[in-house]
Protein backbone atom coordinates (compact mmCIF):
# COMPACT_ATOMS: atom_id res chain seq x y z
CA MET A 1 -11.22 -8.13 -11.29
CA GLN A 2 -14.77 -8.73 -12.47
CA HIS A 3 -17.04 -5.86 -13.50
CA ASP A 4 -19.36 -6.31 -10.49
CA GLU A 5 -16.40 -6.31 -8.09
CA LEU A 6 -15.04 -3.11 -9.61
CA THR A 7 -18.45 -1.48 -9.28
CA LEU A 8 -18.63 -2.43 -5.58
CA ARG A 9 -15.10 -1.15 -4.96
CA LEU A 10 -15.93 2.17 -6.59
CA GLN A 11 -18.91 2.40 -4.21
CA GLY A 12 -16.65 2.09 -1.16
CA TRP A 13 -16.59 -1.69 -0.65
CA ARG A 14 -13.19 -3.05 0.29
CA LEU A 15 -11.48 -6.38 0.73
CA ALA A 16 -12.03 -7.54 4.32
CA THR A 17 -10.21 -10.46 5.92
CA ALA A 18 -11.64 -12.06 9.04
CA GLU A 19 -9.51 -14.36 11.16
CA VAL A 20 -11.78 -16.42 13.39
CA LEU A 21 -10.19 -18.10 16.40
CA TYR A 22 -12.42 -20.91 17.55
CA TYR A 23 -12.52 -24.14 19.53
CA ILE A 24 -14.47 -27.36 19.39
CA PRO A 25 -16.62 -27.79 22.54
CA ASP A 26 -14.93 -31.13 23.35
CA HIS A 27 -11.49 -29.43 23.32
CA PRO A 28 -11.86 -25.85 24.64
CA SER A 29 -8.12 -25.44 25.31
CA LEU A 30 -7.21 -26.01 21.62
CA LEU A 31 -7.71 -22.82 19.61
CA GLN A 32 -7.84 -23.11 15.85
CA SER A 33 -7.82 -20.43 13.17
CA PHE A 34 -10.00 -19.92 10.11
CA MET A 35 -9.36 -17.14 7.57
CA TRP A 36 -12.11 -15.76 5.30
CA GLN A 37 -12.04 -12.92 2.76
CA THR A 38 -14.86 -11.05 1.06
CA LEU A 39 -15.66 -7.61 -0.26
CA ASP A 40 -17.52 -5.76 2.47
CA LEU A 41 -18.75 -2.28 3.33
CA ALA A 42 -17.20 -0.49 6.31
CA PRO A 43 -18.02 0.28 9.05
CA GLU A 44 -21.04 -2.08 9.26
CA TYR A 45 -19.42 -5.08 7.47
CA PRO A 46 -22.74 -6.77 6.60
CA ARG A 47 -21.16 -9.77 4.86
CA ILE A 48 -18.81 -10.51 7.78
CA HIS A 49 -21.73 -10.28 10.23
CA LYS A 50 -23.88 -12.56 8.07
CA PHE A 51 -21.02 -15.10 7.91
CA LEU A 52 -20.52 -15.02 11.70
CA GLU A 53 -24.26 -15.43 12.29
CA PHE A 54 -24.21 -18.48 9.99
CA TRP A 55 -21.20 -19.85 11.90
CA ARG A 56 -22.91 -19.49 15.28
CA ARG A 57 -26.09 -21.11 13.97
CA GLU A 58 -24.69 -23.97 11.83
CA ILE A 59 -21.13 -24.85 12.88
CA ASP A 60 -20.36 -26.92 15.96
CA ALA A 61 -17.47 -24.72 17.05
CA VAL A 62 -17.37 -21.81 19.49
CA ILE A 63 -15.94 -18.49 18.31
CA HIS A 64 -13.26 -17.28 20.71
CA SER A 65 -12.42 -14.05 18.89
CA VAL A 66 -12.41 -12.41 15.46
CA ARG A 67 -9.73 -10.15 14.00
CA LEU A 68 -10.64 -7.99 11.04
CA ALA A 69 -8.27 -6.46 8.51
CA THR A 70 -9.38 -4.33 5.58
CA GLY A 71 -7.74 -3.26 2.38
CA GLU A 72 -7.76 0.09 0.72
CA THR A 73 -10.70 1.34 -1.25
CA ILE A 74 -10.52 2.08 -4.94
CA ALA A 75 -11.87 5.46 -5.87
CA PRO A 76 -12.09 7.52 -9.02
CA PRO A 77 -9.15 9.88 -9.42
CA ARG A 78 -9.58 13.28 -7.85
CA ILE A 79 -8.65 16.25 -9.95
CA GLN A 80 -8.20 19.56 -8.27
CA ALA A 81 -8.29 22.51 -10.59
CA GLY A 82 -5.70 25.16 -9.93
CA GLY A 83 -5.85 28.80 -10.78
CA PRO A 84 -5.86 30.02 -14.37
CA ILE A 85 -2.76 29.41 -16.43
CA LEU A 86 -1.17 32.66 -17.47
CA HIS A 87 0.71 32.86 -20.77
CA HIS A 88 3.22 35.65 -21.31
């Protein structure tokens, strides 16, 4: 894992996988699948949205649906202090 990726993960970014079901306009009954992964920030998912906007603008295929799966976040360990330790 690169340093920049670790920094993003510690800030709440997580691995997001988008499965795009799409069809070519000439063959609307033939659905195809495209998988794409990136680090993204829930719940807005700006990178996924930017990718889908690019798709709609530049790719000659119609998006049928998108499924999104996300991984767990990495966070610094949490330490909860207990009461004082008593020595007898």
